[in-house]
Amino acid sequence: MNDQDACDIVRGELDGNTAMPRVLPPAQLDVLARSSAETLVAKAMQ
């Protein structure tokens, strides 16, 4: 997997997160999105 694939996966994950109901405060959603993106990047680089 190359860097572009990883970016596309992360972008898709973040786009998917925008559909979440806004139950959590925006800062909390940002933290969740960032941690999920970091997890995907870490998996992609293995």
PDB file of N, CA and C in Angstrom:
ATOM      1  N   MET A   1       0.850  -1.195   0.000  1.00  0.00           N
ATOM      2  CA  MET A   1       0.000   0.000   0.000  1.00  0.00           C
ATOM      3  C   MET A   1       0.887   1.247   0.000  1.00  0.00           C
ATOM      4  N   ASN A   2       0.575   2.183  -0.879  1.00  0.00           N
ATOM      5  CA  ASN A   2       1.386   3.400  -0.927  1.00  0.00           C
ATOM      6  C   ASN A   2       0.718   4.534  -0.145  1.00  0.00           C
ATOM      7  N   ASP A   3       1.416   5.668  -0.072  1.00  0.00           N
ATOM      8  CA  ASP A   3       0.916   6.794   0.721  1.00  0.00           C
ATOM      9  C   ASP A   3      -0.428   7.304   0.214  1.00  0.00           C
ATOM     10  N   GLN A   4      -0.607   7.310  -1.110  1.00  0.00           N
ATOM     11  CA  GLN A   4      -1.870   7.818  -1.655  1.00  0.00           C
ATOM     12  C   GLN A   4      -3.041   6.934  -1.226  1.00  0.00           C
ATOM     13  N   ASP A   5      -2.835   5.621  -1.224  1.00  0.00           N
ATOM     14  CA  ASP A   5      -3.891   4.710  -0.771  1.00  0.00           C
ATOM     15  C   ASP A   5      -4.258   5.010   0.680  1.00  0.00           C
ATOM     16  N   ALA A   6      -3.242   5.201   1.510  1.00  0.00           N
ATOM     17  CA  ALA A   6      -3.489   5.487   2.923  1.00  0.00           C
ATOM     18  C   ALA A   6      -4.270   6.788   3.071  1.00  0.00           C
ATOM     19  N   CYS A   7      -3.893   7.805   2.289  1.00  0.00           N
ATOM     20  CA  CYS A   7      -4.604   9.087   2.347  1.00  0.00           C
ATOM     21  C   CYS A   7      -6.058   8.917   1.927  1.00  0.00           C
ATOM     22  N   ASP A   8      -6.293   8.135   0.884  1.00  0.00           N
ATOM     23  CA  ASP A   8      -7.661   7.920   0.411  1.00  0.00           C
ATOM     24  C   ASP A   8      -8.492   7.194   1.464  1.00  0.00           C
ATOM     25  N   ILE A   9      -7.896   6.219   2.127  1.00  0.00           N
ATOM     26  CA  ILE A   9      -8.611   5.489   3.176  1.00  0.00           C
ATOM     27  C   ILE A   9      -8.962   6.434   4.319  1.00  0.00           C
ATOM     28  N   VAL A  10      -7.984   7.229   4.737  1.00  0.00           N
ATOM     29  CA  VAL A  10      -8.228   8.158   5.844  1.00  0.00           C
ATOM     30  C   VAL A  10      -9.281   9.182   5.446  1.00  0.00           C
ATOM     31  N   ARG A  11      -9.197   9.688   4.221  1.00  0.00           N
ATOM     32  CA  ARG A  11     -10.174  10.678   3.754  1.00  0.00           C
ATOM     33  C   ARG A  11     -11.576  10.057   3.761  1.00  0.00           C
ATOM     34  N   GLY A  12     -11.689   8.827   3.294  1.00  0.00           N
ATOM     35  CA  GLY A  12     -12.985   8.150   3.296  1.00  0.00           C
ATOM     36  C   GLY A  12     -13.513   7.956   4.706  1.00  0.00           C
ATOM     37  N   GLU A  13     -12.625   7.603   5.629  1.00  0.00           N
ATOM     38  CA  GLU A  13     -13.020   7.416   7.019  1.00  0.00           C
ATOM     39  C   GLU A  13     -13.528   8.728   7.610  1.00  0.00           C
ATOM     40  N   LEU A  14     -12.792   9.816   7.347  1.00  0.00           N
ATOM     41  CA  LEU A  14     -13.199  11.112   7.887  1.00  0.00           C
ATOM     42  C   LEU A  14     -14.509  11.566   7.253  1.00  0.00           C
ATOM     43  N   ASP A  15     -14.676  11.339   5.949  1.00  0.00           N
ATOM     44  CA  ASP A  15     -15.929  11.695   5.281  1.00  0.00           C
ATOM     45  C   ASP A  15     -17.091  10.920   5.890  1.00  0.00           C
ATOM     46  N   GLY A  16     -16.862   9.652   6.194  1.00  0.00           N
ATOM     47  CA  GLY A  16     -17.900   8.833   6.805  1.00  0.00           C
ATOM     48  C   GLY A  16     -18.304   9.361   8.173  1.00  0.00           C
ATOM     49  N   ASN A  17     -17.324   9.901   8.908  1.00  0.00           N
ATOM     50  CA  ASN A  17     -17.606  10.400  10.251  1.00  0.00           C
ATOM     51  C   ASN A  17     -18.497  11.632  10.253  1.00  0.00           C
ATOM     52  N   THR A  18     -18.560  12.365   9.128  1.00  0.00           N
ATOM     53  CA  THR A  18     -19.397  13.565   9.093  1.00  0.00           C
ATOM     54  C   THR A  18     -20.875  13.201   9.159  1.00  0.00           C
ATOM     55  N   ALA A  19     -21.205  11.944   8.874  1.00  0.00           N
ATOM     56  CA  ALA A  19     -22.596  11.505   8.926  1.00  0.00           C
ATOM     57  C   ALA A  19     -23.046  11.180  10.349  1.00  0.00           C
ATOM     58  N   MET A  20     -22.102  11.150  11.286  1.00  0.00           N
ATOM     59  CA  MET A  20     -22.453  10.856  12.676  1.00  0.00           C
ATOM     60  C   MET A  20     -23.373  11.942  13.221  1.00  0.00           C
ATOM     61  N   PRO A  21     -24.368  11.552  13.992  1.00  0.00           N
ATOM     62  CA  PRO A  21     -25.196  12.579  14.631  1.00  0.00           C
ATOM     63  C   PRO A  21     -24.333  13.428  15.565  1.00  0.00           C
ATOM     64  N   ARG A  22     -24.659  14.693  15.655  1.00  0.00           N
ATOM     65  CA  ARG A  22     -23.828  15.617  16.444  1.00  0.00           C
ATOM     66  C   ARG A  22     -24.191  15.528  17.925  1.00  0.00           C
ATOM     67  N   VAL A  23     -24.048  14.332  18.473  1.00  0.00           N
ATOM     68  CA  VAL A  23     -24.353  14.134  19.887  1.00  0.00           C
ATOM     69  C   VAL A  23     -23.185  14.629  20.726  1.00  0.00           C
ATOM     70  N   LEU A  24     -21.986  14.387  20.238  1.00  0.00           N
ATOM     71  CA  LEU A  24     -20.783  14.800  20.958  1.00  0.00           C
ATOM     72  C   LEU A  24     -20.408  16.223  20.565  1.00  0.00           C
ATOM     73  N   PRO A  25     -19.734  16.941  21.464  1.00  0.00           N
ATOM     74  CA  PRO A  25     -19.252  18.270  21.096  1.00  0.00           C
ATOM     75  C   PRO A  25     -18.251  18.177  19.944  1.00  0.00           C
ATOM     76  N   PRO A  26     -18.157  19.207  19.102  1.00  0.00           N
ATOM     77  CA  PRO A  26     -17.263  19.159  17.938  1.00  0.00           C
ATOM     78  C   PRO A  26     -15.821  18.801  18.297  1.00  0.00           C
ATOM     79  N   ALA A  27     -15.324  19.309  19.419  1.00  0.00           N
ATOM     80  CA  ALA A  27     -13.940  18.998  19.803  1.00  0.00           C
ATOM     81  C   ALA A  27     -13.773  17.494  20.023  1.00  0.00           C
ATOM     82  N   GLN A  28     -14.782  16.864  20.624  1.00  0.00           N
ATOM     83  CA  GLN A  28     -14.721  15.426  20.875  1.00  0.00           C
ATOM     84  C   GLN A  28     -14.769  14.649  19.562  1.00  0.00           C
ATOM     85  N   LEU A  29     -15.616  15.099  18.629  1.00  0.00           N
ATOM     86  CA  LEU A  29     -15.668  14.456  17.315  1.00  0.00           C
ATOM     87  C   LEU A  29     -14.322  14.577  16.615  1.00  0.00           C
ATOM     88  N   ASP A  30     -13.685  15.740  16.758  1.00  0.00           N
ATOM     89  CA  ASP A  30     -12.384  15.964  16.132  1.00  0.00           C
ATOM     90  C   ASP A  30     -11.354  14.984  16.691  1.00  0.00           C
ATOM     91  N   VAL A  31     -11.376  14.791  17.999  1.00  0.00           N
ATOM     92  CA  VAL A  31     -10.446  13.847  18.631  1.00  0.00           C
ATOM     93  C   VAL A  31     -10.709  12.430  18.126  1.00  0.00           C
ATOM     94  N   LEU A  32     -11.981  12.050  18.044  1.00  0.00           N
ATOM     95  CA  LEU A  32     -12.321  10.710  17.555  1.00  0.00           C
ATOM     96  C   LEU A  32     -11.875  10.521  16.112  1.00  0.00           C
ATOM     97  N   ALA A  33     -12.125  11.524  15.282  1.00  0.00           N
ATOM     98  CA  ALA A  33     -11.743  11.423  13.873  1.00  0.00           C
ATOM     99  C   ALA A  33     -10.232  11.320  13.739  1.00  0.00           C
ATOM    100  N   ARG A  34      -9.510  12.124  14.523  1.00  0.00           N
ATOM    101  CA  ARG A  34      -8.052  12.115  14.428  1.00  0.00           C
ATOM    102  C   ARG A  34      -7.501  10.769  14.895  1.00  0.00           C
ATOM    103  N   SER A  35      -8.016  10.238  16.009  1.00  0.00           N
ATOM    104  CA  SER A  35      -7.492   8.969  16.515  1.00  0.00           C
ATOM    105  C   SER A  35      -7.811   7.838  15.545  1.00  0.00           C
ATOM    106  N   SER A  36      -8.984   7.882  14.915  1.00  0.00           N
ATOM    107  CA  SER A  36      -9.327   6.825  13.967  1.00  0.00           C
ATOM    108  C   SER A  36      -8.458   6.938  12.722  1.00  0.00           C
ATOM    109  N   ALA A  37      -8.162   8.172  12.301  1.00  0.00           N
ATOM    110  CA  ALA A  37      -7.281   8.373  11.145  1.00  0.00           C
ATOM    111  C   ALA A  37      -5.874   7.878  11.461  1.00  0.00           C
ATOM    112  N   GLU A  38      -5.387   8.179  12.653  1.00  0.00           N
ATOM    113  CA  GLU A  38      -4.042   7.738  13.043  1.00  0.00           C
ATOM    114  C   GLU A  38      -3.970   6.214  13.096  1.00  0.00           C
ATOM    115  N   THR A  39      -5.024   5.586  13.569  1.00  0.00           N
ATOM    116  CA  THR A  39      -5.067   4.125  13.616  1.00  0.00           C
ATOM    117  C   THR A  39      -4.986   3.538  12.211  1.00  0.00           C
ATOM    118  N   LEU A  40      -5.743   4.130  11.283  1.00  0.00           N
ATOM    119  CA  LEU A  40      -5.722   3.643   9.901  1.00  0.00           C
ATOM    120  C   LEU A  40      -4.349   3.818   9.272  1.00  0.00           C
ATOM    121  N   VAL A  41      -3.729   4.968   9.509  1.00  0.00           N
ATOM    122  CA  VAL A  41      -2.396   5.211   8.944  1.00  0.00           C
ATOM    123  C   VAL A  41      -1.406   4.205   9.517  1.00  0.00           C
ATOM    124  N   ALA A  42      -1.487   3.955  10.814  1.00  0.00           N
ATOM    125  CA  ALA A  42      -0.581   2.991  11.440  1.00  0.00           C
ATOM    126  C   ALA A  42      -0.767   1.602  10.829  1.00  0.00           C
ATOM    127  N   LYS A  43      -2.018   1.194  10.612  1.00  0.00           N
ATOM    128  CA  LYS A  43      -2.280  -0.110   9.999  1.00  0.00           C
ATOM    129  C   LYS A  43      -1.767  -0.144   8.566  1.00  0.00           C
ATOM    130  N   ALA A  44      -1.960   0.966   7.852  1.00  0.00           N
ATOM    131  CA  ALA A  44      -1.554   1.015   6.444  1.00  0.00           C
ATOM    132  C   ALA A  44      -0.039   0.903   6.300  1.00  0.00           C
ATOM    133  N   MET A  45       0.693   1.367   7.296  1.00  0.00           N
ATOM    134  CA  MET A  45       2.154   1.386   7.188  1.00  0.00           C
ATOM    135  C   MET A  45       2.795   0.083   7.651  1.00  0.00           C
ATOM    136  N   GLN A  46       2.003  -0.832   8.165  1.00  0.00           N
ATOM    137  CA  GLN A  46       2.559  -2.117   8.617  1.00  0.00           C
ATOM    138  C   GLN A  46       2.949  -2.979   7.425  1.00  0.00           C
TER     139      GLN A  46
END
